[in-house]
Amino acid sequence: MSTSVAEPVTNLNPVAMPLTLSPQAIAKVHEIMATQDPLPAGLRIGVVGGGCSGFQYSMSFENQAGMMDKVFKFDDLKVFVDSTSLMYLNGCLVDYVETLEAAGFKFDNPAVKSTCGCGSSFNV
């Protein structure tokens, strides 16, 4: 599977990216974004406390980056990540998967030690 290489908007030197979005994920985000009015500036990906295992991933559209956000660009998609979430997303691949049973965004995070039974929360 090919992945899209991200470049931090605020840095001109190439660096190892903590987060990767697959082309399928980028395409699906663009598809959903196109239905929003007004058109959002980008996608926020984060980690929040909750669920049976302690943490959950969050995704939402934003009109601008927050003061403490890192901004990454995947092709023409801006992704905003707060500094706390960034610690938990190091090496994470976000993909969009469609099967006969379900469709949705899948987070493949090497830092995760365990997940709950339903798979919606995790522990590091």
N, C-alpha and C. Protein backbone atom coordinates (compact mmCIF):
# COMPACT_ATOMS: atom_id res chain seq x y z
N MET A 1 0.84 -1.16 0.00
CA MET A 1 0.00 0.00 0.00
C MET A 1 0.89 1.23 0.00
N SER A 2 0.60 2.19 -0.85
CA SER A 2 1.37 3.41 -0.85
C SER A 2 0.78 4.38 0.16
N THR A 3 1.64 5.24 0.67
CA THR A 3 1.20 6.25 1.63
C THR A 3 1.65 7.61 1.15
N SER A 4 0.98 8.63 1.63
CA SER A 4 1.30 9.98 1.26
C SER A 4 2.32 10.55 2.24
N VAL A 5 3.37 11.15 1.70
CA VAL A 5 4.39 11.74 2.56
C VAL A 5 3.93 13.12 2.99
N ALA A 6 3.97 13.35 4.26
CA ALA A 6 3.54 14.65 4.79
C ALA A 6 4.73 15.56 4.96
N GLU A 7 4.48 16.83 4.87
CA GLU A 7 5.50 17.83 5.14
C GLU A 7 4.94 18.80 6.16
N PRO A 8 5.71 19.08 7.24
CA PRO A 8 5.21 20.07 8.18
C PRO A 8 5.19 21.43 7.51
N VAL A 9 4.12 22.16 7.70
CA VAL A 9 3.95 23.46 7.06
C VAL A 9 4.96 24.47 7.59
N THR A 10 5.33 24.34 8.87
CA THR A 10 6.17 25.35 9.50
C THR A 10 7.65 25.03 9.42
N ASN A 11 8.06 23.95 8.73
CA ASN A 11 9.45 23.55 8.70
C ASN A 11 9.85 23.29 7.25
N LEU A 12 10.97 23.86 6.82
CA LEU A 12 11.41 23.67 5.45
C LEU A 12 12.34 22.48 5.30
N ASN A 13 12.85 21.92 6.41
CA ASN A 13 13.73 20.77 6.37
C ASN A 13 12.92 19.49 6.50
N PRO A 14 13.21 18.47 5.68
CA PRO A 14 12.47 17.21 5.82
C PRO A 14 12.78 16.56 7.16
N VAL A 15 11.75 16.07 7.83
CA VAL A 15 11.90 15.39 9.11
C VAL A 15 11.05 14.13 9.09
N ALA A 16 11.34 13.23 10.01
CA ALA A 16 10.52 12.03 10.14
C ALA A 16 9.13 12.44 10.63
N MET A 17 8.11 11.99 9.95
CA MET A 17 6.76 12.40 10.29
C MET A 17 6.17 11.46 11.34
N PRO A 18 5.53 12.02 12.35
CA PRO A 18 4.96 11.17 13.39
C PRO A 18 3.67 10.48 12.95
N LEU A 19 3.05 10.97 11.90
CA LEU A 19 1.73 10.51 11.49
C LEU A 19 1.71 10.37 9.97
N THR A 20 1.06 9.32 9.47
CA THR A 20 0.93 9.10 8.03
C THR A 20 -0.53 8.85 7.70
N LEU A 21 -1.00 9.44 6.61
CA LEU A 21 -2.35 9.17 6.10
C LEU A 21 -2.22 8.44 4.77
N SER A 22 -2.98 7.38 4.61
CA SER A 22 -2.98 6.65 3.34
C SER A 22 -3.72 7.48 2.28
N PRO A 23 -3.46 7.20 1.01
CA PRO A 23 -4.21 7.90 -0.04
C PRO A 23 -5.72 7.70 0.09
N GLN A 24 -6.15 6.51 0.55
CA GLN A 24 -7.58 6.24 0.74
C GLN A 24 -8.16 7.15 1.83
N ALA A 25 -7.40 7.34 2.92
CA ALA A 25 -7.87 8.21 4.00
C ALA A 25 -7.96 9.66 3.53
N ILE A 26 -6.95 10.10 2.80
CA ILE A 26 -6.95 11.48 2.29
C ILE A 26 -8.14 11.70 1.37
N ALA A 27 -8.38 10.76 0.47
CA ALA A 27 -9.50 10.88 -0.47
C ALA A 27 -10.83 10.93 0.26
N LYS A 28 -11.00 10.09 1.29
CA LYS A 28 -12.27 10.06 2.03
C LYS A 28 -12.47 11.35 2.81
N VAL A 29 -11.40 11.88 3.41
CA VAL A 29 -11.51 13.16 4.14
C VAL A 29 -11.92 14.26 3.17
N HIS A 30 -11.30 14.30 1.99
CA HIS A 30 -11.68 15.31 0.98
C HIS A 30 -13.14 15.16 0.57
N GLU A 31 -13.59 13.93 0.41
CA GLU A 31 -14.98 13.68 0.02
C GLU A 31 -15.95 14.21 1.09
N ILE A 32 -15.65 13.93 2.34
CA ILE A 32 -16.52 14.40 3.44
C ILE A 32 -16.41 15.92 3.60
N MET A 33 -15.19 16.45 3.49
CA MET A 33 -14.98 17.90 3.61
C MET A 33 -15.79 18.68 2.59
N ALA A 34 -15.88 18.13 1.38
CA ALA A 34 -16.58 18.82 0.29
C ALA A 34 -18.06 19.02 0.59
N THR A 35 -18.62 18.24 1.52
CA THR A 35 -20.04 18.38 1.87
C THR A 35 -20.26 19.40 2.98
N GLN A 36 -19.18 19.93 3.56
CA GLN A 36 -19.30 20.86 4.69
C GLN A 36 -19.48 22.30 4.18
N ASP A 37 -20.27 23.07 4.89
CA ASP A 37 -20.47 24.48 4.55
C ASP A 37 -20.44 25.29 5.83
N PRO A 38 -19.44 26.12 6.03
CA PRO A 38 -18.36 26.47 5.11
C PRO A 38 -17.31 25.36 5.04
N LEU A 39 -16.50 25.41 3.99
CA LEU A 39 -15.45 24.43 3.80
C LEU A 39 -14.40 24.59 4.90
N PRO A 40 -14.10 23.53 5.65
CA PRO A 40 -13.11 23.63 6.73
C PRO A 40 -11.70 23.85 6.19
N ALA A 41 -10.83 24.39 7.05
CA ALA A 41 -9.44 24.61 6.67
C ALA A 41 -8.64 23.32 6.71
N GLY A 42 -9.07 22.38 7.56
CA GLY A 42 -8.32 21.14 7.65
C GLY A 42 -8.97 20.16 8.61
N LEU A 43 -8.24 19.09 8.86
CA LEU A 43 -8.70 17.99 9.71
C LEU A 43 -7.89 17.98 10.99
N ARG A 44 -8.56 17.87 12.12
CA ARG A 44 -7.89 17.70 13.41
C ARG A 44 -7.92 16.22 13.77
N ILE A 45 -6.74 15.68 14.08
CA ILE A 45 -6.62 14.32 14.59
C ILE A 45 -6.05 14.42 15.99
N GLY A 46 -6.68 13.74 16.94
CA GLY A 46 -6.22 13.82 18.31
C GLY A 46 -6.42 12.54 19.08
N VAL A 47 -5.92 12.55 20.29
CA VAL A 47 -6.11 11.46 21.24
C VAL A 47 -6.73 12.09 22.48
N VAL A 48 -7.85 11.51 22.94
CA VAL A 48 -8.55 12.03 24.11
C VAL A 48 -8.72 10.90 25.11
N GLY A 49 -8.84 11.26 26.37
CA GLY A 49 -9.10 10.27 27.40
C GLY A 49 -10.51 9.73 27.28
N GLY A 50 -10.67 8.44 27.52
CA GLY A 50 -12.00 7.86 27.47
C GLY A 50 -11.98 6.42 27.00
N GLY A 51 -13.14 5.81 27.03
CA GLY A 51 -13.26 4.42 26.62
C GLY A 51 -12.80 3.49 27.71
N CYS A 52 -12.97 2.20 27.48
CA CYS A 52 -12.63 1.22 28.51
C CYS A 52 -11.14 1.03 28.69
N SER A 53 -10.32 1.40 27.68
CA SER A 53 -8.87 1.18 27.79
C SER A 53 -8.09 2.44 28.12
N GLY A 54 -8.75 3.58 28.19
CA GLY A 54 -8.06 4.81 28.62
C GLY A 54 -7.98 5.92 27.61
N PHE A 55 -7.79 5.60 26.32
CA PHE A 55 -7.66 6.63 25.29
C PHE A 55 -8.51 6.28 24.07
N GLN A 56 -8.92 7.33 23.35
CA GLN A 56 -9.64 7.16 22.09
C GLN A 56 -9.09 8.15 21.08
N TYR A 57 -9.18 7.80 19.81
CA TYR A 57 -8.80 8.72 18.74
C TYR A 57 -9.98 9.65 18.46
N SER A 58 -9.66 10.87 18.06
CA SER A 58 -10.72 11.80 17.65
C SER A 58 -10.34 12.43 16.31
N MET A 59 -11.37 12.69 15.52
CA MET A 59 -11.19 13.36 14.23
C MET A 59 -12.32 14.37 14.09
N SER A 60 -11.96 15.59 13.68
CA SER A 60 -12.97 16.62 13.46
C SER A 60 -12.42 17.63 12.47
N PHE A 61 -13.33 18.37 11.86
CA PHE A 61 -12.91 19.43 10.95
C PHE A 61 -12.70 20.72 11.74
N GLU A 62 -11.74 21.52 11.30
CA GLU A 62 -11.41 22.78 11.96
C GLU A 62 -11.31 23.90 10.93
N ASN A 63 -11.62 25.11 11.39
CA ASN A 63 -11.49 26.27 10.52
C ASN A 63 -10.12 26.93 10.59
N GLN A 64 -9.35 26.59 11.65
CA GLN A 64 -7.98 27.10 11.75
C GLN A 64 -7.21 26.28 12.78
N ALA A 65 -5.90 26.38 12.71
CA ALA A 65 -5.05 25.66 13.66
C ALA A 65 -5.08 26.38 15.00
N GLY A 66 -4.91 25.61 16.08
CA GLY A 66 -4.79 26.20 17.41
C GLY A 66 -3.37 26.69 17.64
N MET A 67 -3.18 27.48 18.69
CA MET A 67 -1.87 28.07 18.97
C MET A 67 -0.78 27.02 19.20
N MET A 68 -1.12 25.90 19.81
CA MET A 68 -0.13 24.89 20.15
C MET A 68 -0.12 23.71 19.18
N ASP A 69 -0.82 23.84 18.06
CA ASP A 69 -0.91 22.75 17.09
C ASP A 69 0.34 22.66 16.21
N LYS A 70 0.64 21.43 15.82
CA LYS A 70 1.57 21.19 14.72
C LYS A 70 0.68 21.00 13.50
N VAL A 71 1.08 21.59 12.39
CA VAL A 71 0.29 21.49 11.16
C VAL A 71 1.10 20.70 10.14
N PHE A 72 0.48 19.63 9.64
CA PHE A 72 1.10 18.79 8.63
C PHE A 72 0.28 18.87 7.35
N LYS A 73 0.95 18.73 6.23
CA LYS A 73 0.25 18.80 4.96
C LYS A 73 0.44 17.49 4.21
N PHE A 74 -0.66 16.82 3.91
CA PHE A 74 -0.68 15.59 3.13
C PHE A 74 -1.29 15.93 1.79
N ASP A 75 -0.47 15.99 0.76
CA ASP A 75 -0.90 16.50 -0.54
C ASP A 75 -1.47 17.89 -0.30
N ASP A 76 -2.76 18.11 -0.50
CA ASP A 76 -3.33 19.44 -0.25
C ASP A 76 -4.24 19.45 0.98
N LEU A 77 -4.12 18.45 1.85
CA LEU A 77 -4.93 18.37 3.07
C LEU A 77 -4.10 18.79 4.27
N LYS A 78 -4.56 19.80 5.00
CA LYS A 78 -3.90 20.21 6.24
C LYS A 78 -4.45 19.38 7.40
N VAL A 79 -3.54 18.88 8.22
CA VAL A 79 -3.91 18.09 9.39
C VAL A 79 -3.34 18.79 10.62
N PHE A 80 -4.21 19.09 11.58
CA PHE A 80 -3.82 19.77 12.81
C PHE A 80 -3.74 18.73 13.94
N VAL A 81 -2.63 18.75 14.68
CA VAL A 81 -2.44 17.83 15.80
C VAL A 81 -1.90 18.63 16.98
N ASP A 82 -2.58 18.54 18.13
CA ASP A 82 -2.08 19.23 19.32
C ASP A 82 -0.85 18.50 19.85
N SER A 83 -0.01 19.21 20.61
CA SER A 83 1.27 18.65 21.05
C SER A 83 1.12 17.44 21.96
N THR A 84 0.07 17.39 22.76
CA THR A 84 -0.13 16.22 23.64
C THR A 84 -0.49 15.00 22.82
N SER A 85 -1.41 15.15 21.87
CA SER A 85 -1.80 14.02 21.01
C SER A 85 -0.63 13.51 20.19
N LEU A 86 0.24 14.42 19.79
CA LEU A 86 1.39 14.05 18.96
C LEU A 86 2.25 12.98 19.61
N MET A 87 2.36 13.03 20.95
CA MET A 87 3.15 12.04 21.68
C MET A 87 2.58 10.63 21.50
N TYR A 88 1.26 10.52 21.39
CA TYR A 88 0.59 9.22 21.28
C TYR A 88 0.44 8.75 19.84
N LEU A 89 0.69 9.62 18.88
CA LEU A 89 0.47 9.29 17.47
C LEU A 89 1.77 8.99 16.71
N ASN A 90 2.89 8.94 17.40
CA ASN A 90 4.17 8.73 16.74
C ASN A 90 4.21 7.38 16.02
N GLY A 91 4.40 7.43 14.71
CA GLY A 91 4.45 6.22 13.90
C GLY A 91 3.09 5.70 13.45
N CYS A 92 2.03 6.42 13.75
CA CYS A 92 0.67 5.98 13.47
C CYS A 92 0.32 6.15 11.98
N LEU A 93 -0.34 5.14 11.43
CA LEU A 93 -0.86 5.20 10.06
C LEU A 93 -2.38 5.27 10.14
N VAL A 94 -2.96 6.27 9.51
CA VAL A 94 -4.42 6.39 9.43
C VAL A 94 -4.83 5.97 8.03
N ASP A 95 -5.72 4.98 7.97
CA ASP A 95 -6.18 4.45 6.69
C ASP A 95 -7.71 4.52 6.67
N TYR A 96 -8.29 4.43 5.48
CA TYR A 96 -9.73 4.30 5.35
C TYR A 96 -9.99 2.94 4.73
N VAL A 97 -10.80 2.11 5.41
CA VAL A 97 -11.02 0.73 4.99
C VAL A 97 -12.51 0.50 4.78
N GLU A 98 -12.84 -0.15 3.66
CA GLU A 98 -14.22 -0.56 3.39
C GLU A 98 -14.26 -2.07 3.24
N THR A 99 -15.14 -2.71 4.02
CA THR A 99 -15.34 -4.15 3.91
C THR A 99 -16.84 -4.40 3.74
N LEU A 100 -17.22 -5.65 3.62
CA LEU A 100 -18.65 -5.99 3.53
C LEU A 100 -19.37 -5.65 4.83
N GLU A 101 -18.67 -5.75 5.96
CA GLU A 101 -19.31 -5.53 7.25
C GLU A 101 -19.31 -4.07 7.70
N ALA A 102 -18.28 -3.31 7.33
CA ALA A 102 -18.17 -1.95 7.86
C ALA A 102 -17.22 -1.12 7.00
N ALA A 103 -17.26 0.18 7.23
CA ALA A 103 -16.34 1.11 6.60
C ALA A 103 -15.96 2.16 7.62
N GLY A 104 -14.71 2.59 7.59
CA GLY A 104 -14.30 3.62 8.52
C GLY A 104 -12.81 3.84 8.53
N PHE A 105 -12.39 4.81 9.32
CA PHE A 105 -10.99 5.14 9.47
C PHE A 105 -10.36 4.16 10.46
N LYS A 106 -9.19 3.66 10.10
CA LYS A 106 -8.48 2.71 10.94
C LYS A 106 -7.15 3.31 11.34
N PHE A 107 -6.84 3.27 12.63
CA PHE A 107 -5.58 3.78 13.15
C PHE A 107 -4.67 2.58 13.45
N ASP A 108 -3.54 2.52 12.79
CA ASP A 108 -2.55 1.48 13.05
C ASP A 108 -1.40 2.15 13.78
N ASN A 109 -1.38 1.99 15.11
CA ASN A 109 -0.45 2.71 15.97
C ASN A 109 0.48 1.73 16.67
N PRO A 110 1.80 1.79 16.36
CA PRO A 110 2.74 0.85 16.97
C PRO A 110 2.93 1.07 18.48
N ALA A 111 2.52 2.21 19.01
CA ALA A 111 2.68 2.50 20.44
C ALA A 111 1.60 1.84 21.30
N VAL A 112 0.53 1.35 20.66
CA VAL A 112 -0.59 0.78 21.41
C VAL A 112 -0.19 -0.58 21.99
N LYS A 113 -0.39 -0.72 23.31
CA LYS A 113 -0.09 -1.97 24.00
C LYS A 113 -1.30 -2.89 24.07
N SER A 114 -2.49 -2.32 24.20
CA SER A 114 -3.71 -3.13 24.25
C SER A 114 -4.90 -2.29 23.82
N THR A 115 -5.96 -2.98 23.38
CA THR A 115 -7.20 -2.32 23.00
C THR A 115 -8.34 -2.98 23.76
N CYS A 116 -9.48 -2.32 23.78
CA CYS A 116 -10.64 -2.92 24.43
C CYS A 116 -11.27 -3.94 23.48
N GLY A 117 -12.24 -4.66 23.95
CA GLY A 117 -12.89 -5.70 23.15
C GLY A 117 -13.53 -5.19 21.87
N CYS A 118 -14.12 -4.01 21.94
CA CYS A 118 -14.79 -3.48 20.74
C CYS A 118 -13.80 -2.76 19.81
N GLY A 119 -12.58 -2.49 20.29
CA GLY A 119 -11.57 -1.88 19.46
C GLY A 119 -11.65 -0.38 19.32
N SER A 120 -12.51 0.29 20.09
CA SER A 120 -12.64 1.74 19.94
C SER A 120 -11.77 2.53 20.89
N SER A 121 -11.12 1.87 21.85
CA SER A 121 -10.20 2.58 22.74
C SER A 121 -8.94 1.76 22.91
N PHE A 122 -7.89 2.41 23.45
CA PHE A 122 -6.60 1.74 23.52
C PHE A 122 -5.82 2.21 24.74
N ASN A 123 -4.72 1.50 25.01
CA ASN A 123 -3.84 1.80 26.12
C ASN A 123 -2.41 1.79 25.60
N VAL A 124 -1.59 2.72 26.09
CA VAL A 124 -0.17 2.76 25.67
C VAL A 124 0.73 2.44 26.84
